[in-house]
Amino acid sequence: MWLQDIRKSEYILGAVQTTGIFLLILYVFYGTFIIAPVFLPVWFLYMRDWIADTAGKKEQQFRMQFRDSIQEMSAVLKAGYSVENAIREVNRELIPLYDKDTRIRKEYNLMTHQIDMKMPAAEVLEKFAERTGQEDVEDFVNVFAAAKKSGGDSITIIRNSVRIISGKIDTEKEIQTMIASKKLEFDIMCAVPFVIILYMKLTFGEFLSVLYGNAAGMIIMTVCLCVYLAAYRIGRKIIRIEV
């Protein structure tokens, strides 16, 4: 769902980064690039993880943007705006906050256009939720639809929903901030084996020479690589915390 938000330049940068790490793995573990075709699955594994991480960051950025937009919508609804005019007003308020290429600006521009085309506000918001497929957006739209059907104090219901959703987003942001140091430690731990082996290759090359250029050394290094990749996968699962 968020892959469309990854720019081509970011894909190119990710591919270059992945290729660099892939070649480093081959050099450290095997001392040659000739066997690169055999280990292409490793390249795809890391690239897949890069895409997943980047898409996750795009979603988190959108959630922050969405939080700001619904807080603004709650304020303008309280001021007496209709839902249709509230969407237009929020679209104007987002202009100085976010670049025109950000997802939230694109979504509100589209919703404003749909409102101008006389599409019902409820349908506009439902399509917004369908396009993003984001849980917070779906929750907000469902509450909005329920409030309109109930015929009660819909403004109060929507404001309470905004407060709850914003609190959830802020809580997850705080958790991510707290575990940021652990993620940094994980990245450092992933790099340590390469640093150690590269240091030994540069300073004690003859000591490691028995591990390269022969079948026994290749088997040993392949086992080490498998252990490293398994630890990498486990570590990624540990640091991925969702609220």
C-alpha atoms as a PDB file:
ATOM      1  CA  MET A   1       0.000   0.000   0.000  1.00  0.00           C
ATOM      2  CA  TRP A   2       2.845   2.407   0.795  1.00  0.00           C
ATOM      3  CA  LEU A   3       5.195   1.263  -1.955  1.00  0.00           C
ATOM      4  CA  GLN A   4       3.761   3.950  -4.232  1.00  0.00           C
ATOM      5  CA  ASP A   5       5.116   6.593  -1.844  1.00  0.00           C
ATOM      6  CA  ILE A   6       8.713   5.424  -2.323  1.00  0.00           C
ATOM      7  CA  ARG A   7      10.333   7.641  -4.941  1.00  0.00           C
ATOM      8  CA  LYS A   8      12.401   6.257  -7.822  1.00  0.00           C
ATOM      9  CA  SER A   9      15.470   8.017  -6.437  1.00  0.00           C
ATOM     10  CA  GLU A  10      14.937   6.216  -3.129  1.00  0.00           C
ATOM     11  CA  TYR A  11      14.645   2.871  -4.908  1.00  0.00           C
ATOM     12  CA  ILE A  12      17.910   3.571  -6.726  1.00  0.00           C
ATOM     13  CA  LEU A  13      19.618   4.542  -3.471  1.00  0.00           C
ATOM     14  CA  GLY A  14      18.261   1.393  -1.810  1.00  0.00           C
ATOM     15  CA  ALA A  15      19.489  -0.801  -4.662  1.00  0.00           C
ATOM     16  CA  VAL A  16      22.952   0.785  -4.515  1.00  0.00           C
ATOM     17  CA  GLN A  17      23.075   0.332  -0.742  1.00  0.00           C
ATOM     18  CA  THR A  18      21.924  -3.271  -1.014  1.00  0.00           C
ATOM     19  CA  THR A  19      24.466  -4.038  -3.740  1.00  0.00           C
ATOM     20  CA  GLY A  20      27.264  -2.519  -1.654  1.00  0.00           C
ATOM     21  CA  ILE A  21      26.375  -4.649   1.366  1.00  0.00           C
ATOM     22  CA  PHE A  22      25.987  -7.719  -0.849  1.00  0.00           C
ATOM     23  CA  LEU A  23      29.458  -7.261  -2.338  1.00  0.00           C
ATOM     24  CA  LEU A  24      30.890  -6.652   1.140  1.00  0.00           C
ATOM     25  CA  ILE A  25      29.398  -9.959   2.327  1.00  0.00           C
ATOM     26  CA  LEU A  26      30.947 -11.813  -0.616  1.00  0.00           C
ATOM     27  CA  TYR A  27      34.346 -10.229  -0.019  1.00  0.00           C
ATOM     28  CA  VAL A  28      34.339 -10.834   3.744  1.00  0.00           C
ATOM     29  CA  PHE A  29      33.031 -14.394   3.667  1.00  0.00           C
ATOM     30  CA  TYR A  30      34.466 -15.668   0.381  1.00  0.00           C
ATOM     31  CA  GLY A  31      37.092 -13.206  -0.820  1.00  0.00           C
ATOM     32  CA  THR A  32      35.671 -13.250  -4.363  1.00  0.00           C
ATOM     33  CA  PHE A  33      32.730 -11.880  -6.352  1.00  0.00           C
ATOM     34  CA  ILE A  34      32.629 -14.736  -8.860  1.00  0.00           C
ATOM     35  CA  ILE A  35      30.029 -16.645  -6.830  1.00  0.00           C
ATOM     36  CA  ALA A  36      27.649 -13.654  -6.752  1.00  0.00           C
ATOM     37  CA  PRO A  37      24.938 -15.406  -8.862  1.00  0.00           C
ATOM     38  CA  VAL A  38      24.740 -18.241  -6.317  1.00  0.00           C
ATOM     39  CA  PHE A  39      24.040 -15.827  -3.474  1.00  0.00           C
ATOM     40  CA  LEU A  40      21.567 -13.551  -5.249  1.00  0.00           C
ATOM     41  CA  PRO A  41      18.817 -14.629  -2.772  1.00  0.00           C
ATOM     42  CA  VAL A  42      20.810 -12.779  -0.096  1.00  0.00           C
ATOM     43  CA  TRP A  43      20.598  -9.616  -2.217  1.00  0.00           C
ATOM     44  CA  PHE A  44      16.840 -10.025  -2.623  1.00  0.00           C
ATOM     45  CA  LEU A  45      16.456 -10.737   1.108  1.00  0.00           C
ATOM     46  CA  TYR A  46      18.139  -7.488   2.097  1.00  0.00           C
ATOM     47  CA  MET A  47      16.367  -5.494  -0.632  1.00  0.00           C
ATOM     48  CA  ARG A  48      13.016  -6.848   0.524  1.00  0.00           C
ATOM     49  CA  ASP A  49      13.808  -5.781   4.082  1.00  0.00           C
ATOM     50  CA  TRP A  50      14.876  -2.344   2.851  1.00  0.00           C
ATOM     51  CA  ILE A  51      11.601  -1.926   0.969  1.00  0.00           C
ATOM     52  CA  ALA A  52       9.595  -3.056   4.007  1.00  0.00           C
ATOM     53  CA  ASP A  53      11.465  -0.657   6.300  1.00  0.00           C
ATOM     54  CA  THR A  54      11.108   2.252   3.891  1.00  0.00           C
ATOM     55  CA  ALA A  55       7.397   1.583   3.369  1.00  0.00           C
ATOM     56  CA  GLY A  56       6.985   1.415   7.149  1.00  0.00           C
ATOM     57  CA  LYS A  57       8.670   4.799   7.518  1.00  0.00           C
ATOM     58  CA  LYS A  58       6.361   6.237   4.859  1.00  0.00           C
ATOM     59  CA  GLU A  59       3.344   4.945   6.765  1.00  0.00           C
ATOM     60  CA  GLN A  60       4.634   6.396  10.049  1.00  0.00           C
ATOM     61  CA  GLN A  61       5.189   9.753   8.363  1.00  0.00           C
ATOM     62  CA  PHE A  62       1.656   9.647   7.006  1.00  0.00           C
ATOM     63  CA  ARG A  63       0.249   8.810  10.437  1.00  0.00           C
ATOM     64  CA  MET A  64       1.890  11.918  11.898  1.00  0.00           C
ATOM     65  CA  GLN A  65       0.490  13.966   9.023  1.00  0.00           C
ATOM     66  CA  PHE A  66      -2.952  12.415   9.446  1.00  0.00           C
ATOM     67  CA  ARG A  67      -2.908  13.165  13.191  1.00  0.00           C
ATOM     68  CA  ASP A  68      -2.234  16.830  12.463  1.00  0.00           C
ATOM     69  CA  SER A  69      -5.004  16.925   9.850  1.00  0.00           C
ATOM     70  CA  ILE A  70      -7.733  15.421  12.050  1.00  0.00           C
ATOM     71  CA  GLN A  71      -6.759  17.646  14.965  1.00  0.00           C
ATOM     72  CA  GLU A  72      -7.210  20.616  12.682  1.00  0.00           C
ATOM     73  CA  MET A  73     -10.486  19.165  11.404  1.00  0.00           C
ATOM     74  CA  SER A  74     -11.735  18.767  14.976  1.00  0.00           C
ATOM     75  CA  ALA A  75     -10.961  22.445  15.620  1.00  0.00           C
ATOM     76  CA  VAL A  76     -12.751  23.737  12.519  1.00  0.00           C
ATOM     77  CA  LEU A  77     -15.765  21.488  13.125  1.00  0.00           C
ATOM     78  CA  LYS A  78     -15.999  22.927  16.644  1.00  0.00           C
ATOM     79  CA  ALA A  79     -15.923  26.389  15.083  1.00  0.00           C
ATOM     80  CA  GLY A  80     -19.118  25.541  13.190  1.00  0.00           C
ATOM     81  CA  TYR A  81     -17.873  24.439   9.790  1.00  0.00           C
ATOM     82  CA  SER A  82     -19.722  21.754   7.874  1.00  0.00           C
ATOM     83  CA  VAL A  83     -17.769  18.587   7.124  1.00  0.00           C
ATOM     84  CA  GLU A  84     -17.376  19.604   3.484  1.00  0.00           C
ATOM     85  CA  ASN A  85     -16.006  23.037   4.395  1.00  0.00           C
ATOM     86  CA  ALA A  86     -13.887  21.498   7.139  1.00  0.00           C
ATOM     87  CA  ILE A  87     -12.115  19.329   4.551  1.00  0.00           C
ATOM     88  CA  ARG A  88     -11.484  22.389   2.379  1.00  0.00           C
ATOM     89  CA  GLU A  89     -10.210  24.388   5.350  1.00  0.00           C
ATOM     90  CA  VAL A  90      -7.887  21.597   6.519  1.00  0.00           C
ATOM     91  CA  ASN A  91      -6.532  21.353   2.979  1.00  0.00           C
ATOM     92  CA  ARG A  92      -5.610  25.046   3.130  1.00  0.00           C
ATOM     93  CA  GLU A  93      -4.101  24.708   6.619  1.00  0.00           C
ATOM     94  CA  LEU A  94      -1.826  21.869   5.462  1.00  0.00           C
ATOM     95  CA  ILE A  95      -0.183  23.978   2.747  1.00  0.00           C
ATOM     96  CA  PRO A  96       2.387  25.700   5.015  1.00  0.00           C
ATOM     97  CA  LEU A  97       2.982  22.510   7.016  1.00  0.00           C
ATOM     98  CA  TYR A  98       3.796  19.954   4.335  1.00  0.00           C
ATOM     99  CA  ASP A  99       5.280  19.855   0.862  1.00  0.00           C
ATOM    100  CA  LYS A 100       2.832  19.433  -2.009  1.00  0.00           C
ATOM    101  CA  ASP A 101       4.281  15.994  -2.800  1.00  0.00           C
ATOM    102  CA  THR A 102       3.522  14.537   0.637  1.00  0.00           C
ATOM    103  CA  ARG A 103       0.800  11.892   0.812  1.00  0.00           C
ATOM    104  CA  ILE A 104      -1.476  13.876   3.133  1.00  0.00           C
ATOM    105  CA  ARG A 105      -1.466  16.901   0.803  1.00  0.00           C
ATOM    106  CA  LYS A 106      -2.278  14.722  -2.190  1.00  0.00           C
ATOM    107  CA  GLU A 107      -5.121  13.036  -0.318  1.00  0.00           C
ATOM    108  CA  TYR A 108      -6.691  16.286   0.879  1.00  0.00           C
ATOM    109  CA  ASN A 109      -6.324  17.866  -2.556  1.00  0.00           C
ATOM    110  CA  LEU A 110      -8.183  14.887  -4.009  1.00  0.00           C
ATOM    111  CA  MET A 111     -10.853  14.999  -1.310  1.00  0.00           C
ATOM    112  CA  THR A 112     -11.347  18.738  -1.864  1.00  0.00           C
ATOM    113  CA  HIS A 113     -11.753  18.107  -5.595  1.00  0.00           C
ATOM    114  CA  GLN A 114     -14.309  15.371  -4.893  1.00  0.00           C
ATOM    115  CA  ILE A 115     -16.214  17.701  -2.556  1.00  0.00           C
ATOM    116  CA  ASP A 116     -16.226  20.378  -5.274  1.00  0.00           C
ATOM    117  CA  MET A 117     -17.661  17.750  -7.625  1.00  0.00           C
ATOM    118  CA  LYS A 118     -20.602  17.410  -5.178  1.00  0.00           C
ATOM    119  CA  MET A 119     -19.623  13.983  -3.891  1.00  0.00           C
ATOM    120  CA  PRO A 120     -21.072  13.303  -0.401  1.00  0.00           C
ATOM    121  CA  ALA A 121     -18.580  13.848   2.430  1.00  0.00           C
ATOM    122  CA  ALA A 122     -19.173  10.365   3.831  1.00  0.00           C
ATOM    123  CA  GLU A 123     -18.294   8.769   0.481  1.00  0.00           C
ATOM    124  CA  VAL A 124     -15.243  11.005   0.100  1.00  0.00           C
ATOM    125  CA  LEU A 125     -13.900   9.900   3.484  1.00  0.00           C
ATOM    126  CA  GLU A 126     -14.672   6.232   2.780  1.00  0.00           C
ATOM    127  CA  LYS A 127     -12.663   6.379  -0.440  1.00  0.00           C
ATOM    128  CA  PHE A 128      -9.871   8.085   1.500  1.00  0.00           C
ATOM    129  CA  ALA A 129      -9.793   5.125   3.888  1.00  0.00           C
ATOM    130  CA  GLU A 130      -9.863   2.639   1.000  1.00  0.00           C
ATOM    131  CA  ARG A 131      -6.916   4.301  -0.735  1.00  0.00           C
ATOM    132  CA  THR A 132      -4.697   4.368   2.327  1.00  0.00           C
ATOM    133  CA  GLY A 133      -5.766   1.074   3.912  1.00  0.00           C
ATOM    134  CA  GLN A 134      -4.466   2.572   7.152  1.00  0.00           C
ATOM    135  CA  GLU A 135      -6.075   1.443  10.418  1.00  0.00           C
ATOM    136  CA  ASP A 136      -6.199   4.917  11.997  1.00  0.00           C
ATOM    137  CA  VAL A 137      -7.904   6.392   8.933  1.00  0.00           C
ATOM    138  CA  GLU A 138     -10.406   3.538   8.834  1.00  0.00           C
ATOM    139  CA  ASP A 139     -11.188   3.997  12.534  1.00  0.00           C
ATOM    140  CA  PHE A 140     -11.770   7.722  12.073  1.00  0.00           C
ATOM    141  CA  VAL A 141     -13.999   7.229   9.022  1.00  0.00           C
ATOM    142  CA  ASN A 142     -16.022   4.503  10.791  1.00  0.00           C
ATOM    143  CA  VAL A 143     -16.583   6.769  13.793  1.00  0.00           C
ATOM    144  CA  PHE A 144     -17.568   9.614  11.492  1.00  0.00           C
ATOM    145  CA  ALA A 145     -20.069   7.406   9.649  1.00  0.00           C
ATOM    146  CA  ALA A 146     -21.523   6.098  12.913  1.00  0.00           C
ATOM    147  CA  ALA A 147     -21.811   9.629  14.334  1.00  0.00           C
ATOM    148  CA  LYS A 148     -23.683  10.859  11.258  1.00  0.00           C
ATOM    149  CA  LYS A 149     -26.098   7.906  11.412  1.00  0.00           C
ATOM    150  CA  SER A 150     -26.758   8.242  15.137  1.00  0.00           C
ATOM    151  CA  GLY A 151     -27.970  11.801  14.745  1.00  0.00           C
ATOM    152  CA  GLY A 152     -26.552  12.734  18.134  1.00  0.00           C
ATOM    153  CA  ASP A 153     -23.806  15.158  19.024  1.00  0.00           C
ATOM    154  CA  SER A 154     -21.614  14.134  16.118  1.00  0.00           C
ATOM    155  CA  ILE A 155     -19.060  16.902  16.736  1.00  0.00           C
ATOM    156  CA  THR A 156     -18.356  15.662  20.263  1.00  0.00           C
ATOM    157  CA  ILE A 157     -18.124  12.063  19.061  1.00  0.00           C
ATOM    158  CA  ILE A 158     -15.668  13.011  16.303  1.00  0.00           C
ATOM    159  CA  ARG A 159     -13.572  15.120  18.700  1.00  0.00           C
ATOM    160  CA  ASN A 160     -13.359  12.199  21.149  1.00  0.00           C
ATOM    161  CA  SER A 161     -12.322   9.929  18.294  1.00  0.00           C
ATOM    162  CA  VAL A 162      -9.625  12.398  17.253  1.00  0.00           C
ATOM    163  CA  ARG A 163      -8.313  12.515  20.826  1.00  0.00           C
ATOM    164  CA  ILE A 164      -8.134   8.710  21.082  1.00  0.00           C
ATOM    165  CA  ILE A 165      -6.522   8.202  17.667  1.00  0.00           C
ATOM    166  CA  SER A 166      -4.025  11.025  18.280  1.00  0.00           C
ATOM    167  CA  GLY A 167      -3.155   9.524  21.660  1.00  0.00           C
ATOM    168  CA  LYS A 168      -2.544   6.136  20.077  1.00  0.00           C
ATOM    169  CA  ILE A 169      -0.267   7.625  17.418  1.00  0.00           C
ATOM    170  CA  ASP A 170       1.650   9.674  19.998  1.00  0.00           C
ATOM    171  CA  THR A 171       2.085   6.620  22.234  1.00  0.00           C
ATOM    172  CA  GLU A 172       3.563   4.576  19.412  1.00  0.00           C
ATOM    173  CA  LYS A 173       5.845   7.491  18.534  1.00  0.00           C
ATOM    174  CA  GLU A 174       7.126   7.564  22.107  1.00  0.00           C
ATOM    175  CA  ILE A 175       7.733   3.802  22.050  1.00  0.00           C
ATOM    176  CA  GLN A 176       9.642   4.064  18.776  1.00  0.00           C
ATOM    177  CA  THR A 177      11.743   6.847  20.273  1.00  0.00           C
ATOM    178  CA  MET A 178      12.553   4.733  23.322  1.00  0.00           C
ATOM    179  CA  ILE A 179      13.686   1.744  21.277  1.00  0.00           C
ATOM    180  CA  ALA A 180      15.648   3.860  18.781  1.00  0.00           C
ATOM    181  CA  SER A 181      18.817   3.256  20.808  1.00  0.00           C
ATOM    182  CA  LYS A 182      18.196  -0.507  20.675  1.00  0.00           C
ATOM    183  CA  LYS A 183      17.835  -0.323  16.908  1.00  0.00           C
ATOM    184  CA  LEU A 184      21.138   1.528  16.746  1.00  0.00           C
ATOM    185  CA  GLU A 185      22.745  -1.165  18.892  1.00  0.00           C
ATOM    186  CA  PHE A 186      21.339  -3.807  16.540  1.00  0.00           C
ATOM    187  CA  ASP A 187      22.822  -2.032  13.505  1.00  0.00           C
ATOM    188  CA  ILE A 188      26.194  -1.813  15.242  1.00  0.00           C
ATOM    189  CA  MET A 189      26.084  -5.493  16.198  1.00  0.00           C
ATOM    190  CA  CYS A 190      25.313  -6.373  12.571  1.00  0.00           C
ATOM    191  CA  ALA A 191      28.386  -4.437  11.442  1.00  0.00           C
ATOM    192  CA  VAL A 192      30.789  -5.785  14.094  1.00  0.00           C
ATOM    193  CA  PRO A 193      31.510  -9.171  12.399  1.00  0.00           C
ATOM    194  CA  PHE A 194      32.451  -7.408   9.166  1.00  0.00           C
ATOM    195  CA  VAL A 195      34.704  -4.934  10.962  1.00  0.00           C
ATOM    196  CA  ILE A 196      36.501  -7.729  12.807  1.00  0.00           C
ATOM    197  CA  ILE A 197      37.030  -9.882   9.723  1.00  0.00           C
ATOM    198  CA  LEU A 198      38.092  -6.945   7.572  1.00  0.00           C
ATOM    199  CA  TYR A 199      40.586  -5.865  10.250  1.00  0.00           C
ATOM    200  CA  MET A 200      42.051  -9.358  10.423  1.00  0.00           C
ATOM    201  CA  LYS A 201      42.223  -9.633   6.626  1.00  0.00           C
ATOM    202  CA  LEU A 202      44.135  -6.371   6.456  1.00  0.00           C
ATOM    203  CA  THR A 203      46.465  -7.023   9.385  1.00  0.00           C
ATOM    204  CA  PHE A 204      46.723 -10.825   9.631  1.00  0.00           C
ATOM    205  CA  GLY A 205      45.858 -11.890   6.100  1.00  0.00           C
ATOM    206  CA  GLU A 206      47.937 -15.060   6.268  1.00  0.00           C
ATOM    207  CA  PHE A 207      46.024 -16.159   9.399  1.00  0.00           C
ATOM    208  CA  LEU A 208      42.708 -16.182   7.508  1.00  0.00           C
ATOM    209  CA  SER A 209      44.068 -17.390   4.175  1.00  0.00           C
ATOM    210  CA  VAL A 210      43.149 -21.004   4.997  1.00  0.00           C
ATOM    211  CA  LEU A 211      39.458 -20.014   4.886  1.00  0.00           C
ATOM    212  CA  TYR A 212      39.592 -18.805   1.278  1.00  0.00           C
ATOM    213  CA  GLY A 213      40.151 -20.547  -2.020  1.00  0.00           C
ATOM    214  CA  ASN A 214      39.353 -24.075  -0.833  1.00  0.00           C
ATOM    215  CA  ALA A 215      36.232 -26.196  -0.297  1.00  0.00           C
ATOM    216  CA  ALA A 216      36.665 -26.638   3.449  1.00  0.00           C
ATOM    217  CA  GLY A 217      37.031 -22.897   4.038  1.00  0.00           C
ATOM    218  CA  MET A 218      34.019 -22.146   1.858  1.00  0.00           C
ATOM    219  CA  ILE A 219      31.879 -24.601   3.834  1.00  0.00           C
ATOM    220  CA  ILE A 220      32.950 -23.066   7.137  1.00  0.00           C
ATOM    221  CA  MET A 221      32.280 -19.521   5.936  1.00  0.00           C
ATOM    222  CA  THR A 222      28.919 -20.564   4.478  1.00  0.00           C
ATOM    223  CA  VAL A 223      27.896 -21.973   7.866  1.00  0.00           C
ATOM    224  CA  CYS A 224      29.013 -18.707   9.505  1.00  0.00           C
ATOM    225  CA  LEU A 225      27.017 -16.723   6.956  1.00  0.00           C
ATOM    226  CA  CYS A 226      23.894 -18.814   7.604  1.00  0.00           C
ATOM    227  CA  VAL A 227      24.253 -18.259  11.350  1.00  0.00           C
ATOM    228  CA  TYR A 228      24.709 -14.544  10.770  1.00  0.00           C
ATOM    229  CA  LEU A 229      21.606 -14.314   8.538  1.00  0.00           C
ATOM    230  CA  ALA A 230      19.550 -16.284  11.079  1.00  0.00           C
ATOM    231  CA  ALA A 231      20.652 -13.915  13.857  1.00  0.00           C
ATOM    232  CA  TYR A 232      19.821 -10.963  11.605  1.00  0.00           C
ATOM    233  CA  ARG A 233      16.285 -12.231  11.020  1.00  0.00           C
ATOM    234  CA  ILE A 234      15.711 -12.874  14.721  1.00  0.00           C
ATOM    235  CA  GLY A 235      17.067  -9.445  15.609  1.00  0.00           C
ATOM    236  CA  ARG A 236      14.719  -7.740  13.154  1.00  0.00           C
ATOM    237  CA  LYS A 237      11.728  -9.476  14.685  1.00  0.00           C
ATOM    238  CA  ILE A 238      12.764  -8.428  18.182  1.00  0.00           C
ATOM    239  CA  ILE A 239      13.086  -4.714  17.342  1.00  0.00           C
ATOM    240  CA  ARG A 240       9.844  -4.518  15.365  1.00  0.00           C
ATOM    241  CA  ILE A 241       7.309  -3.414  17.977  1.00  0.00           C
ATOM    242  CA  GLU A 242       3.771  -2.484  17.041  1.00  0.00           C
ATOM    243  CA  VAL A 243       1.103  -0.886  19.204  1.00  0.00           C
END
